[in-house]
Amino acid sequence: MLKNVTITADEEILRWTRREAADKGVSVSKLVGQILEREMRRRDDYWKAFERWKKIKPVPHADASKRPGREEMHDRGR
């Protein structure tokens, strides 16, 4: 269900918004709704990815102090 919202913004922002809406052939209301929806989805995607990342189990050999050194990796310590 769509709801109306009143916003307050600087005149420069409102001019830009009117121009953008006209360029896209939509109303200012529709443009603002699209921008808010895009931002919401972008943030939701970030947080979903962050939650998935937190569930990943650490790699047992991820401790940098236990990794082979540069010389050992390139077989230079002969």
C-alpha atoms as a PDB file:
ATOM      1  CA  MET A   1       0.000   0.000   0.000  1.00  0.00           C
ATOM      2  CA  LEU A   2       1.424   3.375  -1.008  1.00  0.00           C
ATOM      3  CA  LYS A   3       1.528   6.219   1.515  1.00  0.00           C
ATOM      4  CA  ASN A   4       2.145   9.924   1.079  1.00  0.00           C
ATOM      5  CA  VAL A   5       5.112  11.568   2.803  1.00  0.00           C
ATOM      6  CA  THR A   6       6.104  15.213   3.154  1.00  0.00           C
ATOM      7  CA  ILE A   7       9.819  15.964   2.922  1.00  0.00           C
ATOM      8  CA  THR A   8      11.845  19.079   3.574  1.00  0.00           C
ATOM      9  CA  ALA A   9      14.911  19.714   1.428  1.00  0.00           C
ATOM     10  CA  ASP A  10      17.167  22.519   0.299  1.00  0.00           C
ATOM     11  CA  GLU A  11      16.021  24.385  -2.845  1.00  0.00           C
ATOM     12  CA  GLU A  12      19.072  23.134  -4.786  1.00  0.00           C
ATOM     13  CA  ILE A  13      18.125  19.533  -4.004  1.00  0.00           C
ATOM     14  CA  LEU A  14      14.530  20.182  -5.055  1.00  0.00           C
ATOM     15  CA  ARG A  15      15.639  21.728  -8.385  1.00  0.00           C
ATOM     16  CA  TRP A  16      17.856  18.709  -9.053  1.00  0.00           C
ATOM     17  CA  THR A  17      15.007  16.349  -8.140  1.00  0.00           C
ATOM     18  CA  ARG A  18      12.562  18.099 -10.465  1.00  0.00           C
ATOM     19  CA  ARG A  19      15.100  17.996 -13.313  1.00  0.00           C
ATOM     20  CA  GLU A  20      15.857  14.296 -12.739  1.00  0.00           C
ATOM     21  CA  ALA A  21      12.158  13.440 -12.603  1.00  0.00           C
ATOM     22  CA  ALA A  22      11.516  15.338 -15.848  1.00  0.00           C
ATOM     23  CA  ASP A  23      14.495  13.643 -17.548  1.00  0.00           C
ATOM     24  CA  LYS A  24      13.156  10.224 -16.540  1.00  0.00           C
ATOM     25  CA  GLY A  25       9.547  11.078 -17.351  1.00  0.00           C
ATOM     26  CA  VAL A  26       8.273  10.391 -13.837  1.00  0.00           C
ATOM     27  CA  SER A  27       6.812  12.497 -11.053  1.00  0.00           C
ATOM     28  CA  VAL A  28       9.003  13.838  -8.247  1.00  0.00           C
ATOM     29  CA  SER A  29       7.097  11.554  -5.886  1.00  0.00           C
ATOM     30  CA  LYS A  30       7.816   8.495  -8.045  1.00  0.00           C
ATOM     31  CA  LEU A  31      11.510   9.425  -8.403  1.00  0.00           C
ATOM     32  CA  VAL A  32      11.972   9.881  -4.647  1.00  0.00           C
ATOM     33  CA  GLY A  33      10.231   6.551  -4.056  1.00  0.00           C
ATOM     34  CA  GLN A  34      12.565   4.831  -6.558  1.00  0.00           C
ATOM     35  CA  ILE A  35      15.643   6.371  -4.933  1.00  0.00           C
ATOM     36  CA  LEU A  36      14.527   5.289  -1.465  1.00  0.00           C
ATOM     37  CA  GLU A  37      13.698   1.778  -2.666  1.00  0.00           C
ATOM     38  CA  ARG A  38      17.096   1.435  -4.377  1.00  0.00           C
ATOM     39  CA  GLU A  39      18.883   2.578  -1.208  1.00  0.00           C
ATOM     40  CA  MET A  40      16.836   0.203   0.938  1.00  0.00           C
ATOM     41  CA  ARG A  41      17.665  -2.766  -1.296  1.00  0.00           C
ATOM     42  CA  ARG A  42      21.359  -1.820  -1.452  1.00  0.00           C
ATOM     43  CA  ARG A  43      21.590  -1.726   2.332  1.00  0.00           C
ATOM     44  CA  ASP A  44      19.546  -4.907   2.744  1.00  0.00           C
ATOM     45  CA  ASP A  45      21.911  -6.707   0.335  1.00  0.00           C
ATOM     46  CA  TYR A  46      24.903  -5.455   2.350  1.00  0.00           C
ATOM     47  CA  TRP A  47      23.494  -6.651   5.666  1.00  0.00           C
ATOM     48  CA  LYS A  48      22.459 -10.025   4.237  1.00  0.00           C
ATOM     49  CA  ALA A  49      25.996 -10.504   2.887  1.00  0.00           C
ATOM     50  CA  PHE A  50      27.450  -9.420   6.234  1.00  0.00           C
ATOM     51  CA  GLU A  51      25.283 -11.952   8.101  1.00  0.00           C
ATOM     52  CA  ARG A  52      26.384 -14.715   5.676  1.00  0.00           C
ATOM     53  CA  TRP A  53      30.028 -13.697   6.167  1.00  0.00           C
ATOM     54  CA  LYS A  54      29.683 -13.877   9.968  1.00  0.00           C
ATOM     55  CA  LYS A  55      28.504 -17.497   9.667  1.00  0.00           C
ATOM     56  CA  ILE A  56      31.575 -18.596   7.700  1.00  0.00           C
ATOM     57  CA  LYS A  57      33.854 -20.685   9.862  1.00  0.00           C
ATOM     58  CA  PRO A  58      37.451 -19.443  10.018  1.00  0.00           C
ATOM     59  CA  VAL A  59      40.029 -21.365   8.018  1.00  0.00           C
ATOM     60  CA  PRO A  60      42.195 -23.326  10.496  1.00  0.00           C
ATOM     61  CA  HIS A  61      45.454 -22.038   8.996  1.00  0.00           C
ATOM     62  CA  ALA A  62      44.339 -18.425   8.733  1.00  0.00           C
ATOM     63  CA  ASP A  63      46.733 -17.379  11.513  1.00  0.00           C
ATOM     64  CA  ALA A  64      49.404 -15.357   9.682  1.00  0.00           C
ATOM     65  CA  SER A  65      52.102 -16.379  12.148  1.00  0.00           C
ATOM     66  CA  LYS A  66      51.695 -20.005  11.048  1.00  0.00           C
ATOM     67  CA  ARG A  67      51.899 -19.360   7.319  1.00  0.00           C
ATOM     68  CA  PRO A  68      55.066 -20.237   5.429  1.00  0.00           C
ATOM     69  CA  GLY A  69      57.412 -17.308   4.931  1.00  0.00           C
ATOM     70  CA  ARG A  70      58.211 -15.656   1.625  1.00  0.00           C
ATOM     71  CA  GLU A  71      61.506 -17.472   1.212  1.00  0.00           C
ATOM     72  CA  GLU A  72      59.914 -20.829   1.971  1.00  0.00           C
ATOM     73  CA  MET A  73      57.026 -20.196  -0.412  1.00  0.00           C
ATOM     74  CA  HIS A  74      59.377 -19.410  -3.289  1.00  0.00           C
ATOM     75  CA  ASP A  75      61.883 -22.066  -2.357  1.00  0.00           C
ATOM     76  CA  ARG A  76      64.619 -19.467  -1.933  1.00  0.00           C
ATOM     77  CA  GLY A  77      65.972 -20.722   1.329  1.00  0.00           C
ATOM     78  CA  ARG A  78      68.098 -23.427  -0.329  1.00  0.00           C
END
